[in-house]
Amino acid sequence: MSSHATPVPMTSTACGPLSGVAEVPGDKSISHRSLILGAMCIGETTISGLLEGDDVLDTAKAMQAFGAEVTNMGGGNWSVRGVGVGGFAEPDGVIDCGNSGTGVRLIMGSMATSPITATFTGDASLNGRPMARVTDPLALFGTESVGRKGGRLPMTIVGAADPVPVRYTVPVPSAQVKSAVLLAGLNAPGKTVVIEAEATRDHTERMLAGFGAEISVEDTDEGRVITLTGQPELQAQHVDVPRDPSSAAFPVCAALIVPGSDVLVPGIGLNPTRAGLFTTLREMGANLTYENERTEGGEPVADLRAKFSPDLKGIEVPPARAASMIDEYPVLSVVAAFAQGQTMMRGVKELRVKESDRIDAMAKGLRANGIEVDEGPDWWAVTGRGHGNVPGGATCASQLDHRIAMSFMILGMAATSPVSVDDGSPITTSFPIFEPLMKRLGADVTRGDA
């Protein structure tokens, strides 16, 4: 059970064509970062289009606990009056990050080089996720951490009183780890360097530059080298948050598999480090087009039009693309179930340590609904049955994971028999309007068992 809600069984039943405009919420990654960087400025940062899901609201509460003044102005507009780099106050209570791995890891990084102590916790899912991948590099700055066995929450972080800059090579592709180290480097003297062999989503680098930090990115034989000069005076900004491509994935994928559908999803961020799913879907034969391509807030944006695609084919997804679509593999596996042939997904071991073991959760649920799935430590393969041939009919465990719950709701929209999840309440962490939005498009999603 999540710390934010009681279990909410949900059922999705095959529906007629989906049509209309799907106005998905703001990007979760950018929403987290805009609050944190706003809190590390002097002056007022204003944010429009902030995602008001549980994950982001928990980050807003955390920034308040560290001394920033965070105000909801209404209509997705927020104000953050920051305390400056190194200006965080020691919080009075425990910082509860709910279900958000991004939130807790970025917040840990942001306070790790200030001489304060903070204790972090979350819901049952978050408290089972490993934090050593962040606390190990933070220790290089001089930070100390004490948590449960296996480096799990609840965990107390003792910030470094005299931080030193670090040079750190990220061992596995992880935007969360990279970002935590960069945020910690803000209050360390000298230059902090992060090296990643594979590029991950680069919102942190873009936003740091936008807030006035001295940061450079260079592609070398060693990898992607990011150099940040510490102890800047960040400049308060206005941030327009583009709509979240990870949320857009759900109405887009639903439209591709429900006969007769035609859905427009406007204003979606198409940062190259995030748009891997849409590239993959087009390679599978999806009728997915980009309209009104433009730049907003330094990020590429377009309106996506998705139409029913009866001739989807299974493909091998390039492992190098994994970092740009890591959160979208669950719903991709649903689309793969309606394709002809096998869709192979490699280089995805990061899925094993998300809000749930997403490979295991999706494999079990898809098998229960009549789909053949093979899996290994860092790969899985879905053998599609083609349109009209996916049986459905099962109840799946969401594992306290919002993306698992939504993915099975999309499956039910085109399966022969209804598909249920035991608990859809985690959906509010990232996509609080998922249910009404999909219903407006024509989906048949109900609360309660089938």
Protein backbone atom coordinates (compact mmCIF):
# COMPACT_ATOMS: atom_id res chain seq x y z
CA MET A 1 0.00 0.00 0.00
CA SER A 2 1.24 3.46 -0.90
CA SER A 3 1.73 6.08 1.77
CA HIS A 4 -0.63 8.35 -0.17
CA ALA A 5 -3.66 6.17 -0.91
CA THR A 6 -5.58 3.02 -0.14
CA PRO A 7 -5.72 0.33 -2.86
CA VAL A 8 -7.98 1.19 -5.78
CA PRO A 9 -8.76 -1.80 -8.05
CA MET A 10 -9.27 -0.68 -11.65
CA THR A 11 -10.54 -2.40 -14.78
CA SER A 12 -10.14 -1.52 -18.44
CA THR A 13 -12.49 -2.91 -21.10
CA ALA A 14 -12.23 -2.91 -24.89
CA CYS A 15 -13.67 0.33 -26.27
CA GLY A 16 -14.57 2.06 -29.50
CA PRO A 17 -12.19 4.41 -31.31
CA LEU A 18 -10.27 6.84 -29.12
CA SER A 19 -10.43 10.39 -30.42
CA GLY A 20 -9.80 13.95 -29.34
CA VAL A 21 -7.04 15.98 -27.76
CA ALA A 22 -5.07 14.53 -24.84
CA GLU A 23 -3.66 17.36 -22.72
CA VAL A 24 -1.17 15.44 -20.59
CA PRO A 25 0.47 17.00 -17.50
CA GLY A 26 3.83 18.73 -17.27
CA ASP A 27 7.08 16.82 -17.47
CA LYS A 28 7.89 15.15 -14.15
CA SER A 29 11.66 15.30 -14.55
CA ILE A 30 11.66 19.02 -15.32
CA SER A 31 9.11 19.73 -12.58
CA HIS A 32 11.33 18.15 -9.90
CA ARG A 33 14.41 20.02 -11.11
CA SER A 34 12.69 23.40 -11.42
CA LEU A 35 11.61 23.25 -7.76
CA ILE A 36 15.05 22.16 -6.53
CA LEU A 37 17.04 24.67 -8.59
CA GLY A 38 14.55 27.40 -7.73
CA ALA A 39 15.17 26.67 -4.07
CA MET A 40 18.93 27.01 -4.65
CA CYS A 41 18.64 30.51 -6.16
CA ILE A 42 18.42 33.88 -4.50
CA GLY A 43 15.16 35.53 -5.50
CA GLU A 44 11.89 34.28 -6.97
CA THR A 45 11.66 31.54 -9.58
CA THR A 46 8.26 31.18 -11.24
CA ILE A 47 7.12 27.94 -12.83
CA SER A 48 4.22 27.35 -15.20
CA GLY A 49 2.85 23.96 -16.19
CA LEU A 50 4.25 22.18 -13.11
CA LEU A 51 3.12 18.58 -12.79
CA GLU A 52 0.95 18.49 -9.66
CA GLY A 53 1.27 14.76 -9.04
CA ASP A 54 2.21 13.30 -5.67
CA ASP A 55 5.88 12.84 -6.57
CA VAL A 56 6.41 16.49 -7.44
CA LEU A 57 4.27 17.78 -4.57
CA ASP A 58 6.50 15.80 -2.19
CA THR A 59 9.54 17.55 -3.67
CA ALA A 60 7.83 20.92 -3.16
CA LYS A 61 7.24 20.04 0.51
CA ALA A 62 10.88 19.01 0.87
CA MET A 63 12.10 22.34 -0.51
CA GLN A 64 9.89 24.09 2.05
CA ALA A 65 11.41 21.93 4.78
CA PHE A 66 14.88 23.07 3.68
CA GLY A 67 13.86 26.72 4.03
CA ALA A 68 12.61 27.78 0.60
CA GLU A 69 9.26 29.55 0.27
CA VAL A 70 7.17 27.50 -2.16
CA THR A 71 3.74 28.81 -3.16
CA ASN A 72 1.03 27.28 -5.36
CA MET A 73 -0.38 30.19 -7.35
CA GLY A 74 -3.06 28.03 -9.01
CA GLY A 75 -3.47 26.67 -12.53
CA GLY A 76 -0.11 24.90 -12.53
CA ASN A 77 1.70 28.15 -11.68
CA TRP A 78 4.12 28.07 -8.76
CA SER A 79 6.56 30.43 -7.08
CA VAL A 80 9.80 29.45 -5.34
CA ARG A 81 11.75 31.97 -3.27
CA GLY A 82 15.12 30.33 -2.86
CA VAL A 83 17.82 30.42 -0.21
CA GLY A 84 20.85 30.27 -2.49
CA VAL A 85 23.48 27.59 -3.13
CA GLY A 86 24.58 26.24 0.26
CA GLY A 87 21.73 28.03 2.02
CA PHE A 88 19.55 25.07 2.95
CA ALA A 89 18.37 24.98 6.57
CA GLU A 90 18.25 21.75 8.53
CA PRO A 91 14.72 20.35 8.35
CA ASP A 92 12.77 19.85 11.56
CA GLY A 93 11.18 16.56 10.53
CA VAL A 94 11.69 13.55 8.30
CA ILE A 95 11.55 14.20 4.54
CA ASP A 96 8.89 11.89 3.06
CA CYS A 97 9.42 11.44 -0.68
CA GLY A 98 6.47 9.09 -1.14
CA ASN A 99 6.99 6.96 -4.24
CA SER A 100 9.58 9.11 -5.97
CA GLY A 101 13.03 7.70 -6.64
CA THR A 102 13.87 10.77 -8.71
CA GLY A 103 12.76 13.12 -5.95
CA VAL A 104 14.66 11.49 -3.12
CA ARG A 105 17.92 11.03 -5.06
CA LEU A 106 17.97 14.58 -6.44
CA ILE A 107 17.10 16.07 -3.05
CA MET A 108 19.85 14.04 -1.39
CA GLY A 109 22.31 15.44 -3.91
CA SER A 110 21.12 19.01 -3.43
CA MET A 111 21.73 18.93 0.35
CA ALA A 112 24.75 16.63 0.43
CA THR A 113 27.36 19.40 0.44
CA SER A 114 25.67 21.62 3.04
CA PRO A 115 26.54 21.20 6.74
CA ILE A 116 23.10 19.90 7.69
CA THR A 117 21.54 16.54 8.49
CA ALA A 118 18.31 15.19 7.02
CA THR A 119 16.44 11.90 7.26
CA PHE A 120 14.56 10.54 4.23
CA THR A 121 11.78 7.98 3.95
CA GLY A 122 9.08 6.99 1.48
CA ASP A 123 6.33 4.48 0.81
CA ALA A 124 6.86 0.72 0.85
CA SER A 125 8.04 0.71 -2.77
CA LEU A 126 10.56 3.52 -2.36
CA ASN A 127 11.86 2.13 0.92
CA GLY A 128 12.74 -1.08 -0.91
CA ARG A 129 14.83 0.64 -3.60
CA PRO A 130 18.64 0.84 -3.39
CA MET A 131 20.15 4.22 -2.55
CA ALA A 132 23.84 3.23 -2.53
CA ARG A 133 24.08 4.15 -6.21
CA VAL A 134 23.65 7.77 -5.03
CA THR A 135 25.15 7.71 -1.53
CA ASP A 136 28.41 6.10 -2.76
CA PRO A 137 29.35 9.00 -5.07
CA LEU A 138 28.04 11.55 -2.56
CA ALA A 139 30.48 10.09 -0.01
CA LEU A 140 33.31 11.27 -2.27
CA PHE A 141 32.31 14.86 -1.44
CA GLY A 142 32.59 14.05 2.28
CA THR A 143 28.93 13.20 2.86
CA GLU A 144 27.96 10.48 5.35
CA SER A 145 24.87 8.29 5.18
CA VAL A 146 23.27 5.73 7.47
CA GLY A 147 20.36 3.62 6.26
CA ARG A 148 18.85 0.18 6.44
CA LYS A 149 20.60 -2.94 5.20
CA GLY A 150 21.38 -2.77 1.50
CA GLY A 151 21.48 1.03 1.54
CA ARG A 152 17.72 1.41 1.80
CA LEU A 153 15.43 4.03 3.29
CA PRO A 154 14.76 5.31 5.88
CA MET A 155 18.18 6.92 5.64
CA THR A 156 19.94 9.82 7.31
CA ILE A 157 22.31 11.98 5.27
CA VAL A 158 24.94 14.09 7.03
CA GLY A 159 26.04 16.81 4.63
CA ALA A 160 29.72 17.54 4.12
CA ALA A 161 30.89 20.53 6.19
CA ASP A 162 33.97 20.98 3.98
CA PRO A 163 33.05 19.42 0.64
CA VAL A 164 35.61 18.69 -2.02
CA PRO A 165 34.94 18.52 -5.77
CA VAL A 166 34.86 15.07 -7.34
CA ARG A 167 35.47 13.34 -10.64
CA TYR A 168 33.00 10.50 -11.01
CA THR A 169 32.26 7.97 -13.76
CA VAL A 170 28.65 6.80 -13.58
CA PRO A 171 28.82 2.97 -13.57
CA VAL A 172 25.42 2.41 -15.21
CA PRO A 173 23.33 4.85 -17.26
CA SER A 174 21.31 6.82 -14.68
CA ALA A 175 20.13 10.41 -14.98
CA GLN A 176 19.25 10.31 -11.28
CA VAL A 177 22.81 9.48 -10.21
CA LYS A 178 24.36 11.95 -12.61
CA SER A 179 22.00 14.69 -11.45
CA ALA A 180 22.56 13.99 -7.76
CA VAL A 181 26.33 14.36 -8.22
CA LEU A 182 25.94 17.58 -10.22
CA LEU A 183 23.58 19.08 -7.64
CA ALA A 184 26.04 18.18 -4.88
CA GLY A 185 28.82 19.76 -6.92
CA LEU A 186 27.03 23.10 -6.86
CA ASN A 187 28.21 23.76 -3.30
CA ALA A 188 31.68 22.22 -3.66
CA PRO A 189 34.62 24.47 -4.55
CA GLY A 190 36.40 23.94 -7.85
CA LYS A 191 35.20 21.75 -10.69
CA THR A 192 33.07 18.64 -10.32
CA VAL A 193 33.25 16.28 -13.30
CA VAL A 194 30.74 13.56 -14.18
CA ILE A 195 31.47 11.07 -16.96
CA GLU A 196 28.81 8.84 -18.49
CA ALA A 197 29.51 6.19 -21.11
CA GLU A 198 25.94 6.46 -22.44
CA ALA A 199 24.04 9.74 -22.58
CA THR A 200 21.03 9.92 -20.28
CA ARG A 201 18.31 12.56 -20.11
CA ASP A 202 20.04 15.90 -19.92
CA HIS A 203 17.44 18.13 -18.25
CA THR A 204 19.77 18.82 -15.31
CA GLU A 205 22.58 20.08 -17.54
CA ARG A 206 20.19 22.23 -19.58
CA MET A 207 18.54 23.70 -16.49
CA LEU A 208 21.81 24.35 -14.66
CA ALA A 209 22.98 26.36 -17.66
CA GLY A 210 19.65 28.17 -17.78
CA PHE A 211 19.96 29.11 -14.11
CA GLY A 212 23.40 30.58 -14.73
CA ALA A 213 25.77 27.80 -13.64
CA GLU A 214 29.09 27.41 -15.45
CA ILE A 215 28.73 23.97 -17.02
CA SER A 216 30.18 22.34 -20.13
CA VAL A 217 29.45 19.08 -21.91
CA GLU A 218 31.99 17.37 -24.15
CA ASP A 219 31.88 14.07 -26.02
CA THR A 220 35.25 12.33 -25.70
CA ASP A 221 36.75 8.87 -26.08
CA GLU A 222 36.16 8.49 -22.33
CA GLY A 223 32.46 9.22 -22.75
CA ARG A 224 30.23 12.22 -22.20
CA VAL A 225 32.16 14.52 -19.86
CA ILE A 226 30.16 17.10 -17.88
CA THR A 227 32.17 19.74 -15.99
CA LEU A 228 30.49 22.00 -13.42
CA THR A 229 32.16 24.91 -11.62
CA GLY A 230 30.99 24.96 -8.02
CA GLN A 231 29.62 27.70 -5.78
CA PRO A 232 27.90 29.82 -8.43
CA GLU A 233 25.19 32.33 -7.66
CA LEU A 234 22.25 30.84 -9.51
CA GLN A 235 19.86 33.31 -11.13
CA ALA A 236 16.13 32.99 -10.49
CA GLN A 237 14.22 32.17 -13.68
CA HIS A 238 10.81 31.61 -15.19
CA VAL A 239 10.44 27.95 -16.19
CA ASP A 240 7.83 26.77 -18.70
CA VAL A 241 7.48 23.03 -18.12
CA PRO A 242 6.77 21.13 -21.37
CA ARG A 243 4.29 18.26 -21.28
CA ASP A 244 5.70 14.93 -20.18
CA PRO A 245 6.68 12.45 -22.94
CA SER A 246 6.47 9.61 -20.43
CA SER A 247 2.82 10.48 -19.74
CA ALA A 248 2.12 11.10 -23.44
CA ALA A 249 3.21 7.50 -24.04
CA PHE A 250 -0.07 6.16 -22.66
CA PRO A 251 -2.65 7.93 -24.87
CA VAL A 252 -0.27 7.57 -27.84
CA CYS A 253 0.12 3.82 -27.37
CA ALA A 254 -3.59 3.36 -26.70
CA ALA A 255 -4.45 5.10 -29.97
CA LEU A 256 -2.08 2.82 -31.89
CA ILE A 257 -3.79 -0.39 -30.72
CA VAL A 258 -7.50 0.60 -30.51
CA PRO A 259 -9.15 0.31 -33.95
CA GLY A 260 -10.23 3.56 -35.57
CA SER A 261 -8.42 5.83 -33.12
CA ASP A 262 -7.04 9.30 -33.90
CA VAL A 263 -5.59 11.20 -30.93
CA LEU A 264 -3.64 14.47 -30.81
CA VAL A 265 -1.27 14.96 -27.86
CA PRO A 266 -0.08 18.59 -27.92
CA GLY A 267 3.05 20.25 -26.59
CA ILE A 268 5.15 17.16 -25.87
CA GLY A 269 8.82 17.55 -24.99
CA LEU A 270 10.97 15.77 -27.56
CA ASN A 271 14.36 16.13 -25.94
CA PRO A 272 16.54 13.58 -27.79
CA THR A 273 17.45 11.96 -24.47
CA ARG A 274 13.74 11.27 -23.82
CA ALA A 275 12.11 10.51 -27.18
CA GLY A 276 13.31 6.95 -27.77
CA LEU A 277 9.84 5.43 -27.46
CA PHE A 278 8.40 7.47 -30.31
CA THR A 279 11.32 6.57 -32.57
CA THR A 280 10.82 2.90 -31.69
CA LEU A 281 7.08 2.98 -32.33
CA ARG A 282 7.63 4.48 -35.78
CA GLU A 283 10.16 1.75 -36.56
CA MET A 284 7.43 -0.77 -35.64
CA GLY A 285 5.16 0.79 -38.23
CA ALA A 286 3.14 3.11 -36.01
CA ASN A 287 1.11 5.88 -37.65
CA LEU A 288 2.68 8.52 -35.40
CA THR A 289 3.51 11.98 -36.71
CA TYR A 290 5.03 15.16 -35.29
CA GLU A 291 3.15 18.39 -35.96
CA ASN A 292 4.02 22.03 -35.19
CA GLU A 293 7.62 21.29 -34.18
CA ARG A 294 9.09 24.14 -32.11
CA THR A 295 11.36 25.06 -29.18
CA GLU A 296 9.99 26.06 -25.78
CA GLY A 297 12.12 26.81 -22.73
CA GLY A 298 15.20 25.46 -24.47
CA GLU A 299 13.54 22.08 -25.12
CA PRO A 300 12.31 20.76 -28.51
CA VAL A 301 8.52 20.36 -28.50
CA ALA A 302 5.89 19.07 -30.95
CA ASP A 303 2.27 17.97 -31.12
CA LEU A 304 1.99 14.20 -31.57
CA ARG A 305 -0.77 12.66 -33.68
CA ALA A 306 -1.29 8.94 -33.15
CA LYS A 307 -3.66 6.83 -35.26
CA PHE A 308 -4.66 3.17 -35.16
CA SER A 309 -1.86 1.11 -36.67
CA PRO A 310 -3.02 -2.39 -37.68
CA ASP A 311 0.27 -3.53 -39.18
CA LEU A 312 2.70 -3.16 -36.28
CA LYS A 313 5.78 -5.42 -36.48
CA GLY A 314 8.04 -6.66 -33.72
CA ILE A 315 11.58 -5.26 -33.83
CA GLU A 316 14.83 -5.42 -31.89
CA VAL A 317 15.12 -2.20 -29.89
CA PRO A 318 18.74 -0.96 -29.97
CA PRO A 319 20.28 -1.26 -26.47
CA ALA A 320 21.83 2.19 -26.90
CA ARG A 321 18.31 3.63 -26.96
CA ALA A 322 17.41 2.29 -23.52
CA ALA A 323 18.42 5.38 -21.56
CA SER A 324 16.15 7.58 -23.70
CA MET A 325 13.04 5.49 -23.03
CA ILE A 326 13.71 3.55 -19.83
CA ASP A 327 10.34 4.49 -18.27
CA GLU A 328 8.42 3.61 -21.43
CA TYR A 329 9.35 -0.07 -21.79
CA PRO A 330 6.29 -1.27 -19.82
CA VAL A 331 3.82 0.38 -22.20
CA LEU A 332 6.00 -0.53 -25.20
CA SER A 333 5.61 -4.17 -24.17
CA VAL A 334 1.84 -3.69 -24.36
CA VAL A 335 2.09 -2.36 -27.93
CA ALA A 336 4.42 -5.28 -28.71
CA ALA A 337 1.67 -7.69 -27.64
CA PHE A 338 -0.47 -6.37 -30.54
CA ALA A 339 2.36 -6.47 -33.09
CA GLN A 340 3.27 -9.39 -35.36
CA GLY A 341 6.45 -11.16 -34.28
CA GLN A 342 8.88 -10.69 -31.45
CA THR A 343 9.96 -7.40 -29.91
CA MET A 344 13.34 -7.78 -28.22
CA MET A 345 14.44 -5.28 -25.57
CA ARG A 346 18.07 -5.46 -24.38
CA GLY A 347 20.26 -3.42 -22.06
CA VAL A 348 17.39 -2.73 -19.67
CA LYS A 349 18.65 -3.98 -16.29
CA GLU A 350 17.75 -0.56 -14.85
CA LEU A 351 14.11 -1.72 -15.07
CA ARG A 352 14.84 -4.24 -12.33
CA VAL A 353 15.34 -1.48 -9.73
CA LYS A 354 12.60 1.01 -10.59
CA GLU A 355 9.46 1.50 -8.47
CA SER A 356 9.13 -2.25 -8.97
CA ASP A 357 11.03 -4.89 -10.90
CA ARG A 358 9.27 -3.74 -14.05
CA ILE A 359 10.44 -6.62 -16.22
CA ASP A 360 9.08 -9.16 -13.73
CA ALA A 361 5.84 -7.24 -13.14
CA MET A 362 5.07 -6.81 -16.84
CA ALA A 363 6.14 -10.35 -17.74
CA LYS A 364 3.83 -11.89 -15.15
CA GLY A 365 0.90 -9.69 -16.12
CA LEU A 366 1.33 -10.17 -19.86
CA ARG A 367 1.62 -13.94 -19.48
CA ALA A 368 -1.56 -13.98 -17.38
CA ASN A 369 -3.27 -12.18 -20.27
CA GLY A 370 -2.15 -14.71 -22.86
CA ILE A 371 1.09 -13.17 -24.16
CA GLU A 372 4.39 -15.06 -24.48
CA VAL A 373 7.26 -13.32 -22.69
CA ASP A 374 10.88 -14.42 -22.30
CA GLU A 375 13.27 -12.61 -19.95
CA GLY A 376 16.80 -12.42 -18.59
CA PRO A 377 18.71 -10.22 -16.15
CA ASP A 378 18.94 -7.29 -18.57
CA TRP A 379 16.61 -8.22 -21.44
CA TRP A 380 13.10 -9.33 -22.25
CA ALA A 381 11.18 -10.28 -25.35
CA VAL A 382 7.47 -10.09 -26.09
CA THR A 383 5.98 -12.25 -28.86
CA GLY A 384 3.03 -10.37 -30.30
CA ARG A 385 -0.24 -11.96 -31.36
CA GLY A 386 -1.43 -9.20 -33.69
CA HIS A 387 -4.53 -7.04 -33.45
CA GLY A 388 -7.66 -8.75 -32.21
CA ASN A 389 -5.78 -11.74 -30.80
CA VAL A 390 -4.77 -10.63 -27.30
CA PRO A 391 -6.98 -12.55 -24.84
CA GLY A 392 -6.76 -10.38 -21.72
CA GLY A 393 -9.05 -11.39 -18.86
CA ALA A 394 -6.57 -11.33 -15.96
CA THR A 395 -6.04 -9.22 -12.86
CA CYS A 396 -2.47 -7.96 -12.63
CA ALA A 397 -0.42 -6.79 -9.64
CA SER A 398 0.65 -3.16 -10.04
CA GLN A 399 3.45 -3.62 -7.47
CA LEU A 400 2.87 -0.04 -6.20
CA ASP A 401 4.14 1.14 -9.60
CA HIS A 402 2.24 3.83 -11.51
CA ARG A 403 3.61 2.84 -14.92
CA ILE A 404 2.73 -0.83 -14.44
CA ALA A 405 -0.85 0.08 -13.48
CA MET A 406 -1.33 2.41 -16.47
CA SER A 407 0.26 -0.04 -18.90
CA PHE A 408 -2.22 -2.76 -18.02
CA MET A 409 -5.08 -0.28 -18.33
CA ILE A 410 -3.90 0.39 -21.90
CA LEU A 411 -3.74 -3.37 -22.55
CA GLY A 412 -7.40 -3.76 -21.55
CA MET A 413 -8.53 -1.13 -24.07
CA ALA A 414 -7.79 -3.47 -26.98
CA ALA A 415 -7.80 -6.97 -25.43
CA THR A 416 -10.65 -9.44 -26.03
CA SER A 417 -11.57 -9.56 -22.33
CA PRO A 418 -11.24 -6.86 -19.63
CA VAL A 419 -7.92 -6.39 -17.83
CA SER A 420 -7.73 -5.36 -14.17
CA VAL A 421 -5.07 -4.19 -11.73
CA ASP A 422 -5.21 -4.78 -8.00
CA ASP A 423 -4.28 -1.18 -7.19
CA GLY A 424 -4.38 1.84 -9.47
CA SER A 425 -3.78 4.39 -6.70
CA PRO A 426 -0.05 4.86 -7.54
CA ILE A 427 -1.10 6.46 -10.85
CA THR A 428 -1.55 9.76 -8.99
CA THR A 429 2.20 9.98 -8.41
CA SER A 430 2.91 10.93 -12.03
CA PHE A 431 -0.36 11.22 -13.99
CA PRO A 432 -3.16 12.34 -11.66
CA ILE A 433 -5.58 13.01 -14.56
CA PHE A 434 -4.94 9.69 -16.36
CA GLU A 435 -8.38 8.23 -15.67
CA PRO A 436 -10.55 11.23 -16.69
CA LEU A 437 -8.29 12.03 -19.65
CA MET A 438 -8.55 8.52 -21.08
CA LYS A 439 -12.31 8.46 -20.48
CA ARG A 440 -12.73 11.72 -22.41
CA LEU A 441 -10.94 10.08 -25.34
CA GLY A 442 -13.43 7.20 -25.19
CA ALA A 443 -11.75 4.61 -22.96
CA ASP A 444 -13.79 2.36 -20.67
CA VAL A 445 -11.86 2.50 -17.38
CA THR A 446 -13.74 1.77 -14.17
CA ARG A 447 -12.91 1.41 -10.52
CA GLY A 448 -13.49 -2.00 -8.99
CA ASP A 449 -12.83 -5.52 -10.26
CA ALA A 450 -14.11 -6.74 -13.61
